[in-house]
């Protein structure tokens, strides 16, 4: 309702009046218009929860807030999801609003400037909304160029494809080689705690073994290639997926900070043929 930014802003400006306090306000809230004009207007509906208002609560002290920046629902939800997948901070939609503003403001700052924002909610409350692709699509909050990477993954799984085949970085080389032969692969990602650390390429692995057969009993991390498949978020657009697969044979799919699948050129072609 504005209490956090007002109290924090008051304290900071008492210490240094030059500190800028910027409010992240959803499109539809009346705060920005009121700050700029002093006029009370009627708010319009928006989907971000727990932020903004269609009235003026007494705990909002506009004198401590230098300006407001409006953010759309789709930008808020996109920022929240990116914060989760790229930084591991599982927050809700209103935090996404703040993140979007912080990144926008940061574009005009220098390396000597300091910018902070408040992570004001947890993502656990929004598993059926912000972190639910069907809900986002239903409300027009998930716009892609004719599909996204997650759609390809879903089609692949629906057709009975096996789960992601990978090696852990402490697996023995002999075991990894057997797994490559079992599935008929010539390369395979290597993970550690769900994150990609490299790739096993059969040709390079067998060349290394020809030089030193004792490596057969060594952990794969000692001989893996640092060159791995590119990693893309599950909500990456189909356009971006096509671009990567023109250069690489496969891409790794990342969701909620972990590698969850691998998509090949064949998987993309199969998806496009059924669209």
Protein backbone atom coordinates (compact mmCIF):
# COMPACT_ATOMS: atom_id res chain seq x y z
CA UNK A 1 0.00 0.00 0.00
CA UNK A 2 3.01 2.32 0.06
CA UNK A 3 4.09 1.97 3.68
CA UNK A 4 7.41 0.26 2.93
CA UNK A 5 8.60 2.81 0.39
CA UNK A 6 7.41 5.72 2.53
CA UNK A 7 9.14 4.57 5.71
CA UNK A 8 12.31 3.50 3.94
CA UNK A 9 12.35 6.66 1.84
CA UNK A 10 11.93 8.88 4.89
CA UNK A 11 14.83 7.22 6.72
CA UNK A 12 17.17 7.31 3.71
CA UNK A 13 16.44 10.95 2.89
CA UNK A 14 17.12 11.92 6.49
CA UNK A 15 20.60 10.46 6.00
CA UNK A 16 21.11 11.82 2.49
CA UNK A 17 18.47 14.03 0.81
CA UNK A 18 20.07 13.38 -2.59
CA UNK A 19 19.02 9.73 -2.56
CA UNK A 20 16.34 9.13 -5.17
CA UNK A 21 13.32 7.08 -4.10
CA UNK A 22 11.40 5.63 -7.02
CA UNK A 23 8.06 3.85 -6.78
CA UNK A 24 7.27 0.88 -9.03
CA UNK A 25 3.56 1.22 -9.80
CA UNK A 26 1.32 -1.10 -11.84
CA UNK A 27 -0.47 0.30 -14.85
CA UNK A 28 -3.95 0.95 -13.50
CA UNK A 29 -2.88 2.26 -10.09
CA UNK A 30 -3.49 5.94 -9.39
CA UNK A 31 -0.22 6.74 -7.58
CA UNK A 32 1.83 7.94 -10.58
CA UNK A 33 -0.85 10.29 -11.90
CA UNK A 34 -1.54 11.70 -8.44
CA UNK A 35 2.19 12.31 -7.76
CA UNK A 36 2.60 14.18 -11.06
CA UNK A 37 -0.65 16.18 -11.12
CA UNK A 38 -2.20 16.11 -7.66
CA UNK A 39 -5.40 14.84 -9.26
CA UNK A 40 -7.37 11.84 -8.04
CA UNK A 41 -8.43 9.57 -10.88
CA UNK A 42 -10.24 6.29 -11.10
CA UNK A 43 -7.97 3.28 -11.23
CA UNK A 44 -8.31 0.47 -13.77
CA UNK A 45 -8.00 -3.30 -13.09
CA UNK A 46 -4.64 -5.04 -13.18
CA UNK A 47 -3.42 -8.54 -12.29
CA UNK A 48 -0.36 -7.84 -10.15
CA UNK A 49 -1.31 -8.33 -6.51
CA UNK A 50 -0.32 -6.53 -3.32
CA UNK A 51 0.94 -3.33 -4.94
CA UNK A 52 -0.57 -0.06 -6.14
CA UNK A 53 -4.01 1.27 -5.21
CA UNK A 54 -7.19 2.82 -6.57
CA UNK A 55 -7.31 5.08 -3.48
CA UNK A 56 -4.78 6.98 -1.33
CA UNK A 57 -3.97 5.13 1.92
CA UNK A 58 -2.83 7.35 4.78
CA UNK A 59 0.51 5.54 5.04
CA UNK A 60 1.68 6.76 1.63
CA UNK A 61 3.89 9.80 2.15
CA UNK A 62 4.40 11.18 -1.34
CA UNK A 63 6.93 13.78 -0.14
CA UNK A 64 9.50 11.02 0.31
CA UNK A 65 8.92 9.48 -3.13
CA UNK A 66 10.59 11.31 -6.01
CA UNK A 67 8.65 9.67 -8.80
CA UNK A 68 6.68 6.63 -9.89
CA UNK A 69 7.20 4.46 -12.94
CA UNK A 70 4.30 2.45 -14.36
CA UNK A 71 4.83 -1.20 -15.27
CA UNK A 72 2.47 -3.48 -17.19
CA UNK A 73 1.33 -6.84 -15.84
CA UNK A 74 3.19 -8.76 -18.53
CA UNK A 75 6.46 -6.94 -17.79
CA UNK A 76 6.00 -7.57 -14.06
CA UNK A 77 5.37 -11.29 -14.48
CA UNK A 78 8.19 -11.69 -17.01
CA UNK A 79 10.65 -9.98 -14.68
CA UNK A 80 9.54 -12.12 -11.71
CA UNK A 81 10.02 -15.33 -13.70
CA UNK A 82 13.45 -14.22 -14.93
CA UNK A 83 14.47 -13.31 -11.39
CA UNK A 84 13.62 -16.87 -10.38
CA UNK A 85 15.26 -18.70 -13.29
CA UNK A 86 18.35 -16.51 -13.67
CA UNK A 87 19.10 -15.41 -10.10
CA UNK A 88 17.39 -18.10 -8.01
CA UNK A 89 15.21 -15.54 -6.17
CA UNK A 90 11.70 -17.01 -6.02
CA UNK A 91 9.47 -13.95 -5.72
CA UNK A 92 5.99 -12.84 -6.71
CA UNK A 93 4.58 -10.47 -9.31
CA UNK A 94 4.99 -7.27 -7.32
CA UNK A 95 8.69 -7.98 -6.91
CA UNK A 96 8.77 -8.39 -10.68
CA UNK A 97 7.34 -4.86 -10.94
CA UNK A 98 10.17 -3.56 -8.78
CA UNK A 99 12.82 -5.53 -10.70
CA UNK A 100 11.58 -4.18 -14.03
CA UNK A 101 11.85 -0.60 -12.75
CA UNK A 102 15.27 -1.25 -11.18
CA UNK A 103 16.67 -2.57 -14.46
CA UNK A 104 15.14 0.33 -16.38
CA UNK A 105 16.61 2.92 -14.00
CA UNK A 106 19.99 1.14 -14.00
CA UNK A 107 20.42 1.82 -17.73
CA UNK A 108 21.17 5.48 -16.94
CA UNK A 109 23.47 4.86 -13.98
CA UNK A 110 27.24 4.59 -13.81
CA UNK A 111 29.41 1.91 -12.21
CA UNK A 112 29.82 4.20 -9.19
CA UNK A 113 26.10 4.47 -8.50
CA UNK A 114 24.29 2.22 -6.04
CA UNK A 115 20.79 0.90 -6.70
CA UNK A 116 18.70 -1.30 -4.42
CA UNK A 117 15.18 -2.67 -4.62
CA UNK A 118 12.94 -4.54 -2.21
CA UNK A 119 12.00 -8.19 -2.77
CA UNK A 120 8.55 -7.66 -1.33
CA UNK A 121 6.85 -11.05 -1.70
CA UNK A 122 7.48 -14.77 -2.14
CA UNK A 123 6.70 -16.82 -5.22
CA UNK A 124 5.10 -19.62 -3.17
CA UNK A 125 1.81 -17.73 -3.20
CA UNK A 126 1.75 -17.52 -6.97
CA UNK A 127 2.44 -21.08 -8.13
CA UNK A 128 -0.98 -21.22 -9.79
CA UNK A 129 -0.61 -17.78 -11.38
CA UNK A 130 2.73 -16.13 -12.15
CA UNK A 131 4.48 -19.53 -12.35
CA UNK A 132 1.68 -21.32 -14.19
CA UNK A 133 2.03 -21.15 -17.98
CA UNK A 134 -1.62 -22.02 -18.58
CA UNK A 135 -2.81 -19.21 -16.31
CA UNK A 136 -0.46 -16.76 -18.03
CA UNK A 137 -1.67 -17.80 -21.48
CA UNK A 138 -5.32 -17.64 -20.38
CA UNK A 139 -4.85 -14.03 -19.26
CA UNK A 140 -2.75 -12.99 -22.25
CA UNK A 141 0.37 -12.65 -20.14
CA UNK A 142 2.48 -15.14 -22.09
CA UNK A 143 3.19 -13.88 -25.56
CA UNK A 144 5.60 -15.75 -27.81
CA UNK A 145 6.31 -15.99 -31.51
CA UNK A 146 3.97 -18.89 -32.26
CA UNK A 147 5.13 -21.01 -29.35
CA UNK A 148 7.94 -21.39 -26.85
CA UNK A 149 10.57 -23.90 -25.84
CA UNK A 150 8.32 -25.37 -23.15
CA UNK A 151 5.75 -26.24 -25.84
CA UNK A 152 8.36 -28.32 -27.68
CA UNK A 153 9.28 -30.08 -24.43
CA UNK A 154 5.61 -30.86 -23.73
CA UNK A 155 5.08 -32.34 -27.20
CA UNK A 156 8.22 -34.42 -26.85
CA UNK A 157 7.07 -35.84 -23.50
CA UNK A 158 3.54 -36.43 -24.79
CA UNK A 159 4.98 -38.60 -27.56
CA UNK A 160 6.61 -40.85 -24.96
CA UNK A 161 10.18 -39.56 -25.11
CA UNK A 162 12.48 -40.52 -22.26
CA UNK A 163 13.46 -38.04 -19.60
CA UNK A 164 16.68 -36.09 -19.91
CA UNK A 165 19.69 -38.42 -20.19
CA UNK A 166 22.79 -36.95 -18.61
CA UNK A 167 25.87 -37.74 -16.56
CA UNK A 168 26.71 -36.46 -13.10
CA UNK A 169 30.13 -34.86 -12.87
CA UNK A 170 31.36 -37.58 -10.45
CA UNK A 171 30.21 -40.52 -12.61
CA UNK A 172 32.98 -42.88 -13.72
CA UNK A 173 34.09 -42.56 -17.36
CA UNK A 174 33.32 -46.24 -18.03
CA UNK A 175 29.71 -45.78 -16.86
CA UNK A 176 29.27 -42.67 -18.97
CA UNK A 177 30.62 -44.40 -22.06
CA UNK A 178 28.19 -47.31 -21.51
CA UNK A 179 25.31 -44.83 -21.21
CA UNK A 180 26.30 -43.16 -24.49
CA UNK A 181 26.27 -46.53 -26.25
CA UNK A 182 23.01 -47.61 -24.59
CA UNK A 183 21.10 -44.60 -25.91
CA UNK A 184 23.01 -44.25 -29.17
CA UNK A 185 24.26 -40.74 -28.34
CA UNK A 186 27.53 -39.20 -29.47
CA UNK A 187 27.40 -36.44 -26.85
CA UNK A 188 25.68 -35.85 -23.53
CA UNK A 189 25.44 -33.03 -20.97
CA UNK A 190 27.20 -33.31 -17.62
CA UNK A 191 25.38 -31.85 -14.61
CA UNK A 192 26.21 -31.01 -11.02
CA UNK A 193 23.30 -30.31 -8.68
CA UNK A 194 21.03 -29.75 -11.67
CA UNK A 195 23.33 -27.24 -13.37
CA UNK A 196 25.34 -27.86 -16.55
CA UNK A 197 29.11 -27.99 -16.03
CA UNK A 198 30.17 -29.36 -19.39
CA UNK A 199 29.54 -31.97 -22.03
CA UNK A 200 30.75 -35.45 -22.95
CA UNK A 201 31.65 -35.79 -26.63
CA UNK A 202 32.24 -39.41 -27.57
CA UNK A 203 34.93 -38.71 -30.18
CA UNK A 204 37.00 -36.64 -27.74
CA UNK A 205 36.43 -39.09 -24.91
CA UNK A 206 37.58 -42.12 -26.89
CA UNK A 207 40.64 -40.19 -28.15
CA UNK A 208 41.58 -39.42 -24.55
CA UNK A 209 41.13 -43.10 -23.63
CA UNK A 210 43.39 -44.20 -26.47
CA UNK A 211 46.11 -42.02 -24.95
CA UNK A 212 45.46 -43.17 -21.38
CA UNK A 213 43.24 -46.19 -20.67
CA UNK A 214 43.49 -45.55 -16.92
CA UNK A 215 41.02 -42.70 -17.42
CA UNK A 216 38.34 -45.37 -17.78
CA UNK A 217 38.02 -45.43 -13.98
CA UNK A 218 38.36 -41.67 -13.47
CA UNK A 219 35.42 -39.33 -12.77
CA UNK A 220 34.03 -37.83 -15.95
CA UNK A 221 34.71 -34.28 -14.69
CA UNK A 222 38.40 -34.91 -15.36
CA UNK A 223 37.87 -35.36 -19.11
CA UNK A 224 34.66 -33.52 -19.94
CA UNK A 225 34.58 -30.78 -22.52
CA UNK A 226 33.75 -27.29 -21.30
CA UNK A 227 32.03 -26.65 -24.62
CA UNK A 228 28.44 -27.57 -23.98
CA UNK A 229 25.06 -27.10 -25.57
CA UNK A 230 23.62 -23.60 -25.16
CA UNK A 231 21.18 -23.20 -22.27
CA UNK A 232 17.78 -21.56 -22.80
CA UNK A 233 14.91 -20.75 -20.45
CA UNK A 234 11.78 -22.86 -20.89
CA UNK A 235 9.80 -19.74 -21.82
CA UNK A 236 12.20 -18.74 -24.63
CA UNK A 237 10.42 -17.84 -27.85
CA UNK A 238 10.28 -20.21 -30.80
CA UNK A 239 12.14 -17.59 -32.82
CA UNK A 240 15.10 -17.70 -30.44
CA UNK A 241 15.03 -21.51 -30.32
CA UNK A 242 15.24 -21.68 -34.13
CA UNK A 243 18.16 -19.29 -34.12
CA UNK A 244 20.17 -21.40 -31.65
CA UNK A 245 19.39 -24.72 -33.36
CA UNK A 246 20.63 -23.38 -36.68
CA UNK A 247 24.07 -23.23 -35.10
CA UNK A 248 23.93 -26.05 -32.53
CA UNK A 249 22.61 -29.60 -32.77
CA UNK A 250 20.78 -29.33 -29.45
CA UNK A 251 19.96 -26.97 -26.58
CA UNK A 252 19.50 -27.55 -22.87
CA UNK A 253 16.24 -26.42 -21.28
CA UNK A 254 16.42 -24.55 -17.98
CA UNK A 255 13.42 -24.17 -15.71
CA UNK A 256 13.48 -22.73 -12.18
CA UNK A 257 17.27 -22.67 -12.24
CA UNK A 258 17.78 -26.36 -13.17
CA UNK A 259 18.42 -28.20 -16.42
CA UNK A 260 15.26 -30.18 -17.12
CA UNK A 261 15.50 -31.38 -20.73
CA UNK A 262 17.37 -31.32 -24.00
CA UNK A 263 15.84 -30.34 -27.34
CA UNK A 264 17.38 -31.35 -30.66
CA UNK A 265 16.86 -30.15 -34.21
CA UNK A 266 14.70 -33.21 -34.78
CA UNK A 267 12.45 -32.26 -31.84
CA UNK A 268 11.97 -28.78 -33.30
CA UNK A 269 11.19 -30.16 -36.77
CA UNK A 270 8.68 -32.58 -35.22
CA UNK A 271 7.03 -29.72 -33.33
CA UNK A 272 6.80 -27.49 -36.42
CA UNK A 273 5.34 -30.30 -38.53
CA UNK A 274 2.50 -30.80 -36.05
CA UNK A 275 1.66 -27.13 -35.47
